Amino acid sequence: MPELKIFDVKTKEQKFFSDDFASIKHELHKANIDIETWQLEDKNNNEKIAAVKAKFNFKSHDFVDIDYEKIGLSKIQELNQKFLREHTHTDDEIRFFIDGQGLFVVHHQDQVYSILCSSGDFIRVPAATKHWFDMGEKAFFSCLRFFGDEKGWQAEYTGSDIAKDFPLLADW
C-alpha cells in the first residue's frame, strides 16, 4: 500500500501525508499521476502485461530485480547516480512493484510528491514530468517496467539538483 508526502518546493516544508489509498489517489490525480493496486502473483502474467501495453501503446517491457545483497553497494551507487537526478522521459513511466519498495519523487509545479511504492502498487508518471527515483542504499525491489520505445529506459536530465533538497527513502 502506498504512502504519500507532499512538500512545498520553495520552503521544503512537508504539507501533506497520507497512507489512505483514496486520499493518495485524489492528491496524485492533481499532478496527473495514476496509482492503482494490483494483484499479480506471476510476473509473467501475459494477459495483464498485454492489457497495459495496449492501453498505453507500449512496445516492450522488462522485469527489474534489484537486491542489494546480490549486486553489492557499488552497483547500487552506480544506479542511484542515474535515478536520483531529476529527469523526464518521452514516454509515460509505468512501474508495477511485485516485491520490495522504492520512492518515486515527482516535481510538479510548486510541489514535490514523494510516493512510497511497495508490493502491489502500479504507478504511472506522465511523459515529460520531472521526477527521480530512490531505491535506497540497501535496495530491494522487483518490478515490471513498460516502454513505448523498444530501447527501454532513457532519461532526459534537467540539470537541476533539486533531489538533494528532499528526503530520501532512508529518511522515510
C-alpha atoms as a PDB file:
ATOM      1  CA  MET A   1       0.000   0.000   0.000  1.00  0.00           C
ATOM      2  CA  PRO A   2       1.476   3.371  -0.982  1.00  0.00           C
ATOM      3  CA  GLU A   3       2.235   6.352   1.224  1.00  0.00           C
ATOM      4  CA  LEU A   4       2.431   9.969   0.090  1.00  0.00           C
ATOM      5  CA  LYS A   5       4.195  13.080   1.357  1.00  0.00           C
ATOM      6  CA  ILE A   6       3.804  16.415  -0.410  1.00  0.00           C
ATOM      7  CA  PHE A   7       6.357  19.201   0.043  1.00  0.00           C
ATOM      8  CA  ASP A   8       6.438  22.859  -0.954  1.00  0.00           C
ATOM      9  CA  VAL A   9       9.256  23.385  -3.479  1.00  0.00           C
ATOM     10  CA  LYS A  10      10.313  26.775  -2.096  1.00  0.00           C
ATOM     11  CA  THR A  11      10.105  26.203   1.667  1.00  0.00           C
ATOM     12  CA  LYS A  12      10.897  22.446   1.564  1.00  0.00           C
ATOM     13  CA  GLU A  13       8.205  22.025   4.230  1.00  0.00           C
ATOM     14  CA  GLN A  14       6.007  18.953   4.273  1.00  0.00           C
ATOM     15  CA  LYS A  15       2.401  19.997   3.586  1.00  0.00           C
ATOM     16  CA  PHE A  16       0.663  16.620   3.439  1.00  0.00           C
ATOM     17  CA  PHE A  17       0.998  12.979   4.486  1.00  0.00           C
ATOM     18  CA  SER A  18      -1.324  10.047   3.930  1.00  0.00           C
ATOM     19  CA  ASP A  19      -1.339   6.285   3.874  1.00  0.00           C
ATOM     20  CA  ASP A  20      -5.030   6.229   2.894  1.00  0.00           C
ATOM     21  CA  PHE A  21      -5.299   4.955  -0.678  1.00  0.00           C
ATOM     22  CA  ALA A  22      -8.325   7.091  -1.639  1.00  0.00           C
ATOM     23  CA  SER A  23      -6.630  10.272  -0.357  1.00  0.00           C
ATOM     24  CA  ILE A  24      -3.386   9.405  -2.123  1.00  0.00           C
ATOM     25  CA  LYS A  25      -5.167   8.711  -5.401  1.00  0.00           C
ATOM     26  CA  HIS A  26      -7.027  12.041  -5.109  1.00  0.00           C
ATOM     27  CA  GLU A  27      -3.862  14.069  -4.424  1.00  0.00           C
ATOM     28  CA  LEU A  28      -1.837  12.372  -7.164  1.00  0.00           C
ATOM     29  CA  HIS A  29      -4.629  12.956  -9.666  1.00  0.00           C
ATOM     30  CA  LYS A  30      -3.946  16.709  -9.241  1.00  0.00           C
ATOM     31  CA  ALA A  31      -0.479  16.080 -10.728  1.00  0.00           C
ATOM     32  CA  ASN A  32      -1.825  13.706 -13.431  1.00  0.00           C
ATOM     33  CA  ILE A  33      -0.211  10.710 -11.730  1.00  0.00           C
ATOM     34  CA  ASP A  34      -2.146   7.461 -11.662  1.00  0.00           C
ATOM     35  CA  ILE A  35      -1.801   4.897  -8.925  1.00  0.00           C
ATOM     36  CA  GLU A  36      -3.560   1.588  -8.551  1.00  0.00           C
ATOM     37  CA  THR A  37      -3.186  -1.575  -6.533  1.00  0.00           C
ATOM     38  CA  TRP A  38      -2.955  -4.849  -8.389  1.00  0.00           C
ATOM     39  CA  GLN A  39      -2.940  -8.497  -7.567  1.00  0.00           C
ATOM     40  CA  LEU A  40      -0.337 -10.161  -9.753  1.00  0.00           C
ATOM     41  CA  GLU A  41       1.292 -13.242  -8.325  1.00  0.00           C
ATOM     42  CA  ASP A  42       3.171 -14.050 -11.516  1.00  0.00           C
ATOM     43  CA  LYS A  43       5.478 -11.525 -13.217  1.00  0.00           C
ATOM     44  CA  ASN A  44       4.802 -13.375 -16.458  1.00  0.00           C
ATOM     45  CA  ASN A  45       1.051 -12.738 -16.422  1.00  0.00           C
ATOM     46  CA  ASN A  46       0.873 -12.168 -20.161  1.00  0.00           C
ATOM     47  CA  GLU A  47      -2.797 -11.146 -20.143  1.00  0.00           C
ATOM     48  CA  LYS A  48      -2.239  -8.263 -17.681  1.00  0.00           C
ATOM     49  CA  ILE A  49       1.004  -7.218 -19.396  1.00  0.00           C
ATOM     50  CA  ALA A  50      -0.668  -7.201 -22.825  1.00  0.00           C
ATOM     51  CA  ALA A  51      -3.543  -5.107 -21.437  1.00  0.00           C
ATOM     52  CA  VAL A  52      -1.141  -2.454 -20.079  1.00  0.00           C
ATOM     53  CA  LYS A  53       0.820  -2.371 -23.341  1.00  0.00           C
ATOM     54  CA  ALA A  54      -2.358  -1.937 -25.365  1.00  0.00           C
ATOM     55  CA  LYS A  55      -3.817   0.741 -23.074  1.00  0.00           C
ATOM     56  CA  PHE A  56      -0.698   2.929 -23.251  1.00  0.00           C
ATOM     57  CA  ASN A  57       0.577   1.853 -26.693  1.00  0.00           C
ATOM     58  CA  PHE A  58       3.786   0.417 -25.254  1.00  0.00           C
ATOM     59  CA  LYS A  59       6.009  -1.783 -27.359  1.00  0.00           C
ATOM     60  CA  SER A  60       8.126  -3.504 -24.725  1.00  0.00           C
ATOM     61  CA  HIS A  61       8.502  -4.313 -21.074  1.00  0.00           C
ATOM     62  CA  ASP A  62      11.126  -5.757 -18.795  1.00  0.00           C
ATOM     63  CA  PHE A  63      11.475  -7.092 -15.303  1.00  0.00           C
ATOM     64  CA  VAL A  64      13.869  -5.495 -12.824  1.00  0.00           C
ATOM     65  CA  ASP A  65      15.027  -7.412  -9.775  1.00  0.00           C
ATOM     66  CA  ILE A  66      17.283  -5.348  -7.506  1.00  0.00           C
ATOM     67  CA  ASP A  67      18.682  -6.902  -4.350  1.00  0.00           C
ATOM     68  CA  TYR A  68      21.454  -5.066  -2.523  1.00  0.00           C
ATOM     69  CA  GLU A  69      22.876  -8.293  -1.126  1.00  0.00           C
ATOM     70  CA  LYS A  70      23.164  -9.843  -4.593  1.00  0.00           C
ATOM     71  CA  ILE A  71      24.519  -6.903  -6.614  1.00  0.00           C
ATOM     72  CA  GLY A  72      26.513  -5.012  -3.986  1.00  0.00           C
ATOM     73  CA  LEU A  73      26.990  -1.413  -2.910  1.00  0.00           C
ATOM     74  CA  SER A  74      28.991  -0.249  -5.947  1.00  0.00           C
ATOM     75  CA  LYS A  75      26.220  -1.293  -8.378  1.00  0.00           C
ATOM     76  CA  ILE A  76      23.564   0.378  -6.182  1.00  0.00           C
ATOM     77  CA  GLN A  77      25.632   3.591  -6.143  1.00  0.00           C
ATOM     78  CA  GLU A  78      26.005   3.431  -9.941  1.00  0.00           C
ATOM     79  CA  LEU A  79      22.237   3.026 -10.403  1.00  0.00           C
ATOM     80  CA  ASN A  80      21.495   5.807  -7.916  1.00  0.00           C
ATOM     81  CA  GLN A  81      23.698   8.142  -9.979  1.00  0.00           C
ATOM     82  CA  LYS A  82      21.215   7.668 -12.832  1.00  0.00           C
ATOM     83  CA  PHE A  83      17.923   7.535 -10.975  1.00  0.00           C
ATOM     84  CA  LEU A  84      18.435  10.137  -8.214  1.00  0.00           C
ATOM     85  CA  ARG A  85      18.916  13.016 -10.655  1.00  0.00           C
ATOM     86  CA  GLU A  86      15.827  14.897 -11.776  1.00  0.00           C
ATOM     87  CA  HIS A  87      14.841  13.757 -15.252  1.00  0.00           C
ATOM     88  CA  THR A  88      11.970  13.292 -17.671  1.00  0.00           C
ATOM     89  CA  HIS A  89      11.061  10.699 -20.282  1.00  0.00           C
ATOM     90  CA  THR A  90       9.373  10.945 -23.667  1.00  0.00           C
ATOM     91  CA  ASP A  91       7.111   8.072 -22.545  1.00  0.00           C
ATOM     92  CA  ASP A  92       4.917   7.705 -19.518  1.00  0.00           C
ATOM     93  CA  GLU A  93       6.899   5.948 -16.825  1.00  0.00           C
ATOM     94  CA  ILE A  94       4.949   2.937 -15.658  1.00  0.00           C
ATOM     95  CA  ARG A  95       6.043   0.592 -12.918  1.00  0.00           C
ATOM     96  CA  PHE A  96       4.329  -2.266 -11.156  1.00  0.00           C
ATOM     97  CA  PHE A  97       6.006  -3.276  -7.895  1.00  0.00           C
ATOM     98  CA  ILE A  98       5.923  -7.011  -7.354  1.00  0.00           C
ATOM     99  CA  ASP A  99       8.119  -7.040  -4.261  1.00  0.00           C
ATOM    100  CA  GLY A 100      10.042  -4.640  -2.044  1.00  0.00           C
ATOM    101  CA  GLN A 101       9.753  -0.860  -2.256  1.00  0.00           C
ATOM    102  CA  GLY A 102      11.008   2.294  -3.921  1.00  0.00           C
ATOM    103  CA  LEU A 103      10.395   6.037  -3.656  1.00  0.00           C
ATOM    104  CA  PHE A 104       9.100   7.906  -6.723  1.00  0.00           C
ATOM    105  CA  VAL A 105       9.510  11.651  -6.301  1.00  0.00           C
ATOM    106  CA  VAL A 106       7.674  13.942  -8.723  1.00  0.00           C
ATOM    107  CA  HIS A 107       8.327  17.672  -9.140  1.00  0.00           C
ATOM    108  CA  HIS A 108       5.043  19.155 -10.333  1.00  0.00           C
ATOM    109  CA  GLN A 109       4.653  22.935 -10.428  1.00  0.00           C
ATOM    110  CA  ASP A 110       5.348  24.244  -6.895  1.00  0.00           C
ATOM    111  CA  GLN A 111       5.148  20.877  -5.140  1.00  0.00           C
ATOM    112  CA  VAL A 112       7.186  17.723  -4.706  1.00  0.00           C
ATOM    113  CA  TYR A 113       5.216  14.488  -4.357  1.00  0.00           C
ATOM    114  CA  SER A 114       7.130  11.692  -2.608  1.00  0.00           C
ATOM    115  CA  ILE A 115       5.353   8.415  -3.280  1.00  0.00           C
ATOM    116  CA  LEU A 116       6.475   5.325  -1.406  1.00  0.00           C
ATOM    117  CA  CYS A 117       5.552   2.368  -3.601  1.00  0.00           C
ATOM    118  CA  SER A 118       5.620  -1.250  -2.495  1.00  0.00           C
ATOM    119  CA  SER A 119       4.348  -4.683  -3.492  1.00  0.00           C
ATOM    120  CA  GLY A 120       1.103  -4.431  -5.461  1.00  0.00           C
ATOM    121  CA  ASP A 121       1.456  -0.750  -6.390  1.00  0.00           C
ATOM    122  CA  PHE A 122       1.083   0.283 -10.031  1.00  0.00           C
ATOM    123  CA  ILE A 123       2.155   3.852 -10.807  1.00  0.00           C
ATOM    124  CA  ARG A 124       2.052   5.920 -13.993  1.00  0.00           C
ATOM    125  CA  VAL A 125       4.047   9.147 -14.173  1.00  0.00           C
ATOM    126  CA  PRO A 126       3.143  11.059 -17.370  1.00  0.00           C
ATOM    127  CA  ALA A 127       5.724  11.726 -20.087  1.00  0.00           C
ATOM    128  CA  ALA A 128       7.714  14.963 -19.670  1.00  0.00           C
ATOM    129  CA  THR A 129       7.064  15.019 -15.897  1.00  0.00           C
ATOM    130  CA  LYS A 130      10.113  15.938 -13.805  1.00  0.00           C
ATOM    131  CA  HIS A 131      10.922  13.202 -11.310  1.00  0.00           C
ATOM    132  CA  TRP A 132      13.552  10.989  -9.729  1.00  0.00           C
ATOM    133  CA  PHE A 133      13.563   7.563  -8.121  1.00  0.00           C
ATOM    134  CA  ASP A 134      15.234   6.426  -4.899  1.00  0.00           C
ATOM    135  CA  MET A 135      15.771   2.730  -4.393  1.00  0.00           C
ATOM    136  CA  GLY A 136      17.689   3.275  -1.144  1.00  0.00           C
ATOM    137  CA  GLU A 137      21.216   2.242  -0.269  1.00  0.00           C
ATOM    138  CA  LYS A 138      20.063  -1.257   0.688  1.00  0.00           C
ATOM    139  CA  ALA A 139      17.794  -1.592  -2.316  1.00  0.00           C
ATOM    140  CA  PHE A 140      15.356  -4.466  -2.549  1.00  0.00           C
ATOM    141  CA  PHE A 141      12.556  -4.476  -5.104  1.00  0.00           C
ATOM    142  CA  SER A 142      11.179  -6.280  -8.127  1.00  0.00           C
ATOM    143  CA  CYS A 143       9.056  -4.514 -10.702  1.00  0.00           C
ATOM    144  CA  LEU A 144       7.726  -4.629 -14.209  1.00  0.00           C
ATOM    145  CA  ARG A 145       8.604  -1.637 -16.385  1.00  0.00           C
ATOM    146  CA  PHE A 146       6.797  -0.704 -19.603  1.00  0.00           C
ATOM    147  CA  PHE A 147       8.237   1.266 -22.542  1.00  0.00           C
ATOM    148  CA  GLY A 148       6.965   2.959 -25.705  1.00  0.00           C
ATOM    149  CA  ASP A 149      10.459   2.874 -27.179  1.00  0.00           C
ATOM    150  CA  GLU A 150      11.964  -0.552 -27.694  1.00  0.00           C
ATOM    151  CA  LYS A 151      15.302   0.807 -26.431  1.00  0.00           C
ATOM    152  CA  GLY A 152      13.851   0.829 -22.909  1.00  0.00           C
ATOM    153  CA  TRP A 153      14.644   3.298 -20.142  1.00  0.00           C
ATOM    154  CA  GLN A 154      16.051   6.589 -21.452  1.00  0.00           C
ATOM    155  CA  ALA A 155      16.272   9.723 -19.334  1.00  0.00           C
ATOM    156  CA  GLU A 156      16.495  13.358 -20.283  1.00  0.00           C
ATOM    157  CA  TYR A 157      18.179  15.030 -17.306  1.00  0.00           C
ATOM    158  CA  THR A 158      17.012  18.516 -16.328  1.00  0.00           C
ATOM    159  CA  GLY A 159      20.342  19.622 -14.838  1.00  0.00           C
ATOM    160  CA  SER A 160      18.615  20.530 -11.569  1.00  0.00           C
ATOM    161  CA  ASP A 161      19.983  19.301  -8.250  1.00  0.00           C
ATOM    162  CA  ILE A 162      16.565  19.621  -6.555  1.00  0.00           C
ATOM    163  CA  ALA A 163      16.599  15.964  -5.486  1.00  0.00           C
ATOM    164  CA  LYS A 164      19.188  16.721  -2.797  1.00  0.00           C
ATOM    165  CA  ASP A 165      16.733  19.087  -1.069  1.00  0.00           C
ATOM    166  CA  PHE A 166      14.099  16.470  -0.214  1.00  0.00           C
ATOM    167  CA  PRO A 167      14.024  13.369   1.998  1.00  0.00           C
ATOM    168  CA  LEU A 168      15.250  10.091   0.597  1.00  0.00           C
ATOM    169  CA  LEU A 169      13.922   6.604   1.204  1.00  0.00           C
ATOM    170  CA  ALA A 170      16.300   6.223   4.165  1.00  0.00           C
ATOM    171  CA  ASP A 171      14.590   9.234   5.797  1.00  0.00           C
ATOM    172  CA  TRP A 172      11.078   7.870   5.314  1.00  0.00           C
END
